[in-house]
Amino acid sequence: MRIACLAVVLSLWAGVAAAFELEDHARIDGTGPRVLRIVSTADLEVFAPYLDAFHRRYPQITLDYSVASSSDLHRAIREEAAFDLVISSAMDLQFQLVNDGYARSHQSEHAEALPVWARWRDQIFAFTTEPAVVVISTERFAGLAIPSTRQELTAILRDNPERFLGAVGTYDVRESGLGYLFATQEARATDAYWRLSEVMGRLDPRLYCCSNAMIDDVDSGRLALAYNVLGSYAADRLAGGSGGRLQILRMSDFSNVILRTAFIAHNASEPEAAGWFLDLLLDIGLRDTPGPWPLPPVGDGSGDAGTVFGPIRLGPSLMVYLDPLNRQAFLSEWMDAIVQQ
């Protein structure tokens, strides 16, 4: 068993109350004294257009943008880190923070325009819907049928162990909040998840913290496939040019679709500016077409015909697998399937 993608510690910023690892950081200076501090799981290269859009609209406000893993972000907010706006793809951890009182209320016409499943109590708001997908290496799959269901993928991996040994990547759900969300939701939805996990476990899978690291390794040929990566990141990579090395598969039997959410921190020093940024995200997220933005809109949820589709809804049910006993039981079963040591 090998563990890939250790977080890179770029800085520990003095403005953060709790010490935690930052994966990236950017600052766009404004013309005035106000500083809006944002912590997010979105990679800087993905989120830069949104920062630039806000800076053009509010040039007087300095933007301080920190990137952290979903688990580190969750811990930092619980320890009262000094951020104004909190953005994450791990919607279960986000909801738990809001439910436990770490968010301010926010009301606006953009918030009211969201579907009811994309907001909760005027405190947490979704601005994207993003499916989990499989990314494969076209070279490593040469000569094989392209799977469209988990059952088909399971059969291909089982029947070709020499091709896939050490070449399958997925999240380390013990560390990745998003990976844990994908895994628990998929396990609830389809029995095929555990069978696939057991077959992957026999192939000495590589475990990762984040989507882009998995996509990098498929692109380089180190991996034959990456399972359950964010579709928005995969699509962005293909749009950037991968020379035909990558192909995105969306399983037709069931599609995990997460909401990327944001909330204003209860201890925000710039709640007004945080509200402006949140409304910008919601305005972009409510667009009718994908447009030039890297992340898909909230309404991008039609899916393919025959696909079992539906965004994971915001609500207390998200916290079922965050219960310590439920989490321990799930991780024990996951370890038996994936690690197999």
Protein backbone atom coordinates (compact mmCIF):
# COMPACT_ATOMS: atom_id res chain seq x y z
CA MET A 1 0.00 0.00 0.00
CA ARG A 2 1.37 3.39 -0.99
CA ILE A 3 0.15 6.81 0.04
CA ALA A 4 0.38 9.55 -2.57
CA CYS A 5 -0.06 13.33 -2.50
CA LEU A 6 1.21 14.58 0.83
CA ALA A 7 0.02 18.13 1.40
CA VAL A 8 2.64 20.77 0.71
CA VAL A 9 3.05 23.21 3.56
CA LEU A 10 3.55 26.56 1.89
CA SER A 11 2.92 28.82 4.87
CA LEU A 12 1.30 29.04 8.25
CA TRP A 13 -0.22 32.49 8.27
CA ALA A 14 -0.16 34.61 11.39
CA GLY A 15 -3.79 35.61 10.87
CA VAL A 16 -4.96 32.04 11.36
CA ALA A 17 -5.82 31.23 14.95
CA ALA A 18 -5.29 27.50 14.55
CA ALA A 19 -2.17 25.99 13.01
CA PHE A 20 -3.01 24.00 9.91
CA GLU A 21 -1.45 23.14 6.60
CA LEU A 22 -2.08 25.41 3.64
CA GLU A 23 -1.78 23.93 0.18
CA ASP A 24 -1.68 27.31 -1.57
CA HIS A 25 -2.20 31.00 -0.93
CA ALA A 26 -2.81 34.15 -2.95
CA ARG A 27 -3.27 37.83 -2.14
CA ILE A 28 -4.73 40.47 -4.45
CA ASP A 29 -4.10 43.90 -3.02
CA GLY A 30 -6.91 46.43 -3.00
CA THR A 31 -6.77 50.20 -2.88
CA GLY A 32 -8.27 50.44 0.60
CA PRO A 33 -7.59 49.05 4.08
CA ARG A 34 -10.26 46.30 4.11
CA VAL A 35 -9.13 42.66 3.77
CA LEU A 36 -11.49 39.80 2.91
CA ARG A 37 -10.07 36.48 4.09
CA ILE A 38 -11.32 33.37 2.30
CA VAL A 39 -10.45 29.75 3.05
CA SER A 40 -11.37 27.19 0.42
CA THR A 41 -10.74 23.69 -0.86
CA ALA A 42 -10.80 24.93 -4.48
CA ASP A 43 -7.38 24.98 -6.14
CA LEU A 44 -6.09 28.46 -6.87
CA GLU A 45 -5.89 27.83 -10.63
CA VAL A 46 -9.57 26.89 -10.60
CA PHE A 47 -10.74 29.72 -8.38
CA ALA A 48 -8.61 32.58 -9.78
CA PRO A 49 -11.33 33.77 -12.23
CA TYR A 50 -13.76 34.27 -9.35
CA LEU A 51 -11.19 36.24 -7.37
CA ASP A 52 -10.44 38.39 -10.42
CA ALA A 53 -14.15 39.04 -11.01
CA PHE A 54 -14.61 40.22 -7.43
CA HIS A 55 -11.48 42.38 -7.60
CA ARG A 56 -12.77 44.12 -10.73
CA ARG A 57 -16.09 44.83 -9.01
CA TYR A 58 -14.63 45.83 -5.62
CA PRO A 59 -11.05 47.05 -6.30
CA GLN A 60 -10.85 48.71 -2.90
CA ILE A 61 -10.92 45.36 -1.04
CA THR A 62 -7.81 43.21 -0.60
CA LEU A 63 -8.44 39.50 -1.17
CA ASP A 64 -6.55 36.95 0.92
CA TYR A 65 -7.24 33.43 -0.40
CA SER A 66 -6.02 30.28 1.35
CA VAL A 67 -6.35 26.73 0.03
CA ALA A 68 -6.59 23.82 2.48
CA SER A 69 -7.84 20.26 2.49
CA SER A 70 -11.46 19.82 3.52
CA SER A 71 -10.44 18.12 6.78
CA ASP A 72 -7.91 20.83 7.69
CA LEU A 73 -10.42 23.55 6.80
CA HIS A 74 -13.03 21.91 9.03
CA ARG A 75 -10.63 21.73 11.98
CA ALA A 76 -9.44 25.31 11.49
CA ILE A 77 -12.94 26.79 11.56
CA ARG A 78 -13.77 24.79 14.69
CA GLU A 79 -10.66 26.30 16.29
CA GLU A 80 -11.87 29.83 15.41
CA ALA A 81 -9.43 30.54 12.59
CA ALA A 82 -9.71 34.12 11.34
CA PHE A 83 -11.56 33.78 8.04
CA ASP A 84 -14.59 35.60 6.67
CA LEU A 85 -15.85 33.20 3.99
CA VAL A 86 -15.61 29.40 4.09
CA ILE A 87 -15.87 27.39 0.85
CA SER A 88 -15.63 23.61 0.55
CA SER A 89 -16.62 20.65 -1.61
CA ALA A 90 -17.06 18.45 1.51
CA MET A 91 -20.65 19.46 2.06
CA ASP A 92 -21.21 17.16 5.03
CA LEU A 93 -18.39 18.82 6.99
CA GLN A 94 -19.65 22.23 5.91
CA PHE A 95 -23.17 21.43 7.06
CA GLN A 96 -21.90 20.20 10.41
CA LEU A 97 -20.06 23.49 10.97
CA VAL A 98 -23.19 25.47 10.13
CA ASN A 99 -25.39 23.25 12.29
CA ASP A 100 -22.98 23.76 15.19
CA GLY A 101 -23.20 27.55 15.00
CA TYR A 102 -20.13 28.56 12.99
CA ALA A 103 -22.06 30.51 10.31
CA ARG A 104 -23.82 33.87 10.04
CA SER A 105 -27.16 34.26 8.32
CA HIS A 106 -27.18 35.91 4.90
CA GLN A 107 -30.16 37.11 2.91
CA SER A 108 -30.15 38.45 -0.65
CA GLU A 109 -32.04 38.13 -3.91
CA HIS A 110 -29.37 35.73 -5.16
CA ALA A 111 -29.77 33.51 -2.11
CA GLU A 112 -33.56 33.51 -2.50
CA ALA A 113 -33.19 32.48 -6.16
CA LEU A 114 -31.46 29.21 -5.25
CA PRO A 115 -33.43 25.94 -5.37
CA VAL A 116 -34.59 24.88 -1.92
CA TRP A 117 -32.21 21.89 -1.98
CA ALA A 118 -29.24 24.23 -2.52
CA ARG A 119 -29.53 26.29 0.68
CA TRP A 120 -30.37 25.77 4.34
CA ARG A 121 -31.72 28.28 6.86
CA ASP A 122 -30.13 31.29 5.11
CA GLN A 123 -26.75 30.12 6.36
CA ILE A 124 -25.18 27.72 3.85
CA PHE A 125 -25.45 28.04 0.08
CA ALA A 126 -24.49 25.93 -2.92
CA PHE A 127 -23.06 27.57 -6.02
CA THR A 128 -22.15 24.49 -8.08
CA THR A 129 -23.30 20.94 -8.70
CA GLU A 130 -20.38 18.62 -9.51
CA PRO A 131 -20.49 14.91 -10.33
CA ALA A 132 -17.88 12.39 -9.29
CA VAL A 133 -16.36 10.77 -12.37
CA VAL A 134 -13.81 8.17 -13.39
CA VAL A 135 -10.81 9.38 -15.37
CA ILE A 136 -8.97 6.77 -17.42
CA SER A 137 -5.75 6.65 -19.41
CA THR A 138 -6.69 5.94 -23.02
CA GLU A 139 -3.32 4.25 -23.53
CA ARG A 140 -3.71 1.93 -20.52
CA PHE A 141 -7.25 1.00 -21.60
CA ALA A 142 -6.27 0.32 -25.23
CA GLY A 143 -7.98 -2.82 -26.49
CA LEU A 144 -10.45 -2.98 -23.58
CA ALA A 145 -14.15 -2.20 -23.62
CA ILE A 146 -14.88 1.15 -21.98
CA PRO A 147 -17.04 0.52 -18.88
CA SER A 148 -20.25 2.47 -18.31
CA THR A 149 -21.33 0.93 -14.98
CA ARG A 150 -19.61 -0.11 -11.77
CA GLN A 151 -20.33 -3.74 -12.55
CA GLU A 152 -18.53 -3.42 -15.89
CA LEU A 153 -15.61 -1.58 -14.29
CA THR A 154 -15.35 -4.25 -11.59
CA ALA A 155 -15.23 -7.00 -14.23
CA ILE A 156 -12.50 -5.24 -16.24
CA LEU A 157 -10.31 -4.73 -13.16
CA ARG A 158 -10.87 -8.30 -11.95
CA ASP A 159 -10.10 -9.85 -15.34
CA ASN A 160 -6.96 -7.80 -16.07
CA PRO A 161 -4.95 -7.67 -12.82
CA GLU A 162 -1.58 -7.55 -14.61
CA ARG A 163 -2.64 -4.33 -16.37
CA PHE A 164 -4.06 -2.57 -13.32
CA LEU A 165 -1.80 -3.70 -10.44
CA GLY A 166 -0.57 -0.54 -8.69
CA ALA A 167 -2.30 1.61 -11.31
CA VAL A 168 -5.67 2.39 -9.69
CA GLY A 169 -6.11 5.61 -7.73
CA THR A 170 -8.84 6.72 -5.34
CA TYR A 171 -9.22 8.88 -2.23
CA ASP A 172 -7.80 8.00 1.13
CA VAL A 173 -11.11 8.49 2.89
CA ARG A 174 -9.41 8.49 6.29
CA GLU A 175 -7.87 11.86 5.40
CA SER A 176 -9.99 13.35 2.60
CA GLY A 177 -13.29 14.85 3.67
CA LEU A 178 -14.56 14.92 0.09
CA GLY A 179 -13.44 11.35 -0.49
CA TYR A 180 -15.26 10.24 2.65
CA LEU A 181 -18.44 12.02 1.49
CA PHE A 182 -18.29 10.36 -1.94
CA ALA A 183 -17.66 6.94 -0.42
CA THR A 184 -20.40 7.05 2.20
CA GLN A 185 -23.01 8.42 -0.19
CA GLU A 186 -22.13 5.84 -2.83
CA ALA A 187 -22.21 2.99 -0.31
CA ARG A 188 -25.73 4.08 0.69
CA ALA A 189 -26.88 4.20 -2.92
CA THR A 190 -25.48 1.03 -4.49
CA ASP A 191 -24.21 -2.35 -3.32
CA ALA A 192 -21.81 -2.31 -6.27
CA TYR A 193 -19.58 0.11 -4.34
CA TRP A 194 -18.27 -2.52 -1.92
CA ARG A 195 -17.69 -5.13 -4.61
CA LEU A 196 -15.72 -2.62 -6.67
CA SER A 197 -13.76 -1.55 -3.57
CA GLU A 198 -12.78 -5.15 -2.82
CA VAL A 199 -11.53 -5.69 -6.37
CA MET A 200 -9.58 -2.41 -6.29
CA GLY A 201 -8.12 -3.48 -2.94
CA ARG A 202 -6.54 -6.55 -4.53
CA LEU A 203 -4.71 -4.33 -7.03
CA ASP A 204 -2.57 -2.41 -4.48
CA PRO A 205 -4.37 0.90 -5.13
CA ARG A 206 -2.71 4.27 -4.64
CA LEU A 207 -4.53 6.51 -2.14
CA TYR A 208 -4.75 10.27 -2.61
CA CYS A 209 -5.76 13.43 -0.84
CA CYS A 210 -7.25 15.26 -3.78
CA SER A 211 -8.62 15.10 -7.31
CA ASN A 212 -5.92 17.01 -9.17
CA ALA A 213 -3.16 14.75 -7.87
CA MET A 214 -5.01 11.70 -9.20
CA ILE A 215 -5.65 13.37 -12.55
CA ASP A 216 -1.96 14.31 -12.76
CA ASP A 217 -0.96 10.68 -12.34
CA VAL A 218 -3.42 9.44 -14.95
CA ASP A 219 -2.13 12.12 -17.33
CA SER A 220 1.47 11.05 -16.72
CA GLY A 221 0.67 7.35 -17.20
CA ARG A 222 1.40 6.37 -13.60
CA LEU A 223 -2.27 5.47 -13.13
CA ALA A 224 -4.60 3.66 -15.48
CA LEU A 225 -7.63 5.16 -13.78
CA ALA A 226 -8.69 7.52 -11.01
CA TYR A 227 -11.97 6.75 -9.27
CA ASN A 228 -14.42 9.38 -7.97
CA VAL A 229 -12.55 12.55 -8.90
CA LEU A 230 -14.36 15.87 -9.26
CA GLY A 231 -15.80 16.16 -12.74
CA SER A 232 -15.13 19.90 -12.90
CA TYR A 233 -11.39 19.37 -12.35
CA ALA A 234 -11.27 16.58 -14.92
CA ALA A 235 -13.13 18.67 -17.51
CA ASP A 236 -10.81 21.62 -16.87
CA ARG A 237 -7.79 19.37 -17.47
CA LEU A 238 -9.18 18.12 -20.77
CA ALA A 239 -10.02 21.65 -21.84
CA GLY A 240 -6.44 22.64 -21.08
CA GLY A 241 -5.16 19.96 -23.45
CA SER A 242 -4.18 16.42 -22.50
CA GLY A 243 -3.25 15.21 -25.96
CA GLY A 244 -5.99 12.59 -25.95
CA ARG A 245 -4.37 10.81 -23.01
CA LEU A 246 -7.41 11.14 -20.76
CA GLN A 247 -11.06 10.19 -21.00
CA ILE A 248 -13.82 11.03 -18.53
CA LEU A 249 -16.36 8.34 -17.64
CA ARG A 250 -19.56 9.04 -15.76
CA MET A 251 -21.04 5.81 -14.50
CA SER A 252 -24.58 5.35 -15.82
CA ASP A 253 -25.84 3.20 -12.92
CA PHE A 254 -25.43 5.93 -10.32
CA SER A 255 -23.87 9.39 -10.25
CA ASN A 256 -22.65 11.00 -7.06
CA VAL A 257 -23.22 14.77 -7.36
CA ILE A 258 -21.94 17.10 -4.67
CA LEU A 259 -22.77 20.73 -3.99
CA ARG A 260 -19.82 23.05 -3.49
CA THR A 261 -20.98 25.28 -0.66
CA ALA A 262 -20.07 28.53 1.05
CA PHE A 263 -20.98 30.27 4.28
CA ILE A 264 -20.00 33.43 6.14
CA ALA A 265 -18.06 32.61 9.29
CA HIS A 266 -19.73 33.57 12.55
CA ASN A 267 -16.57 35.40 13.66
CA ALA A 268 -16.04 37.19 10.32
CA SER A 269 -14.36 40.57 10.61
CA GLU A 270 -15.66 41.52 7.13
CA PRO A 271 -19.16 40.01 6.97
CA GLU A 272 -20.39 42.64 4.52
CA ALA A 273 -17.59 41.97 2.02
CA ALA A 274 -18.04 38.23 2.54
CA GLY A 275 -21.70 38.66 1.62
CA TRP A 276 -20.74 40.51 -1.55
CA PHE A 277 -18.38 37.72 -2.56
CA LEU A 278 -20.99 35.08 -1.73
CA ASP A 279 -23.57 36.87 -3.89
CA LEU A 280 -21.09 37.01 -6.76
CA LEU A 281 -20.60 33.24 -6.48
CA LEU A 282 -24.36 32.67 -6.39
CA ASP A 283 -24.94 35.00 -9.34
CA ILE A 284 -22.39 33.05 -11.39
CA GLY A 285 -23.73 29.74 -10.09
CA LEU A 286 -27.29 30.58 -11.13
CA ARG A 287 -26.36 31.14 -14.77
CA ASP A 288 -28.28 29.21 -17.43
CA THR A 289 -25.24 27.98 -19.34
CA PRO A 290 -21.77 26.83 -18.19
CA GLY A 291 -20.07 29.85 -19.78
CA PRO A 292 -16.36 30.56 -19.31
CA TRP A 293 -16.25 29.70 -15.60
CA PRO A 294 -14.20 26.67 -14.46
CA LEU A 295 -16.86 25.38 -12.06
CA PRO A 296 -20.32 24.26 -13.29
CA PRO A 297 -23.51 26.12 -12.34
CA VAL A 298 -26.01 24.98 -9.75
CA GLY A 299 -28.49 24.21 -12.48
CA ASP A 300 -26.09 21.95 -14.41
CA GLY A 301 -27.95 18.86 -13.28
CA SER A 302 -29.82 17.33 -16.17
CA GLY A 303 -27.59 14.27 -16.44
CA ASP A 304 -27.75 11.71 -19.23
CA ALA A 305 -30.89 9.79 -20.03
CA GLY A 306 -31.19 6.74 -17.81
CA THR A 307 -28.67 8.05 -15.30
CA VAL A 308 -29.64 7.90 -11.64
CA PHE A 309 -28.89 11.52 -10.90
CA GLY A 310 -29.54 13.87 -8.07
CA PRO A 311 -27.46 16.28 -6.07
CA ILE A 312 -26.81 15.33 -2.47
CA ARG A 313 -29.19 17.58 -0.58
CA LEU A 314 -28.30 19.90 2.24
CA GLY A 315 -29.85 18.72 5.49
CA PRO A 316 -29.25 16.90 8.78
CA SER A 317 -28.98 13.51 7.02
CA LEU A 318 -25.54 14.60 5.83
CA MET A 319 -24.25 14.16 9.37
CA VAL A 320 -25.18 10.47 9.74
CA TYR A 321 -21.69 9.26 8.82
CA LEU A 322 -20.00 11.99 10.84
CA ASP A 323 -21.21 10.34 14.02
CA PRO A 324 -18.03 8.86 15.58
CA LEU A 325 -19.42 5.32 15.86
CA ASN A 326 -20.79 5.35 12.32
CA ARG A 327 -17.53 6.75 11.02
CA GLN A 328 -15.48 4.12 12.83
CA ALA A 329 -17.67 1.33 11.46
CA PHE A 330 -17.51 2.65 7.91
CA LEU A 331 -13.74 3.15 7.96
CA SER A 332 -13.24 -0.35 9.34
CA GLU A 333 -15.23 -1.84 6.46
CA TRP A 334 -13.42 0.41 3.96
CA MET A 335 -10.02 -0.67 5.29
CA ASP A 336 -10.98 -4.32 4.97
CA ALA A 337 -11.93 -3.73 1.34
CA ILE A 338 -9.25 -1.32 0.13
CA VAL A 339 -6.16 -1.92 2.24
CA GLN A 340 -6.41 -5.73 2.62
CA GLN A 341 -3.32 -6.10 4.80
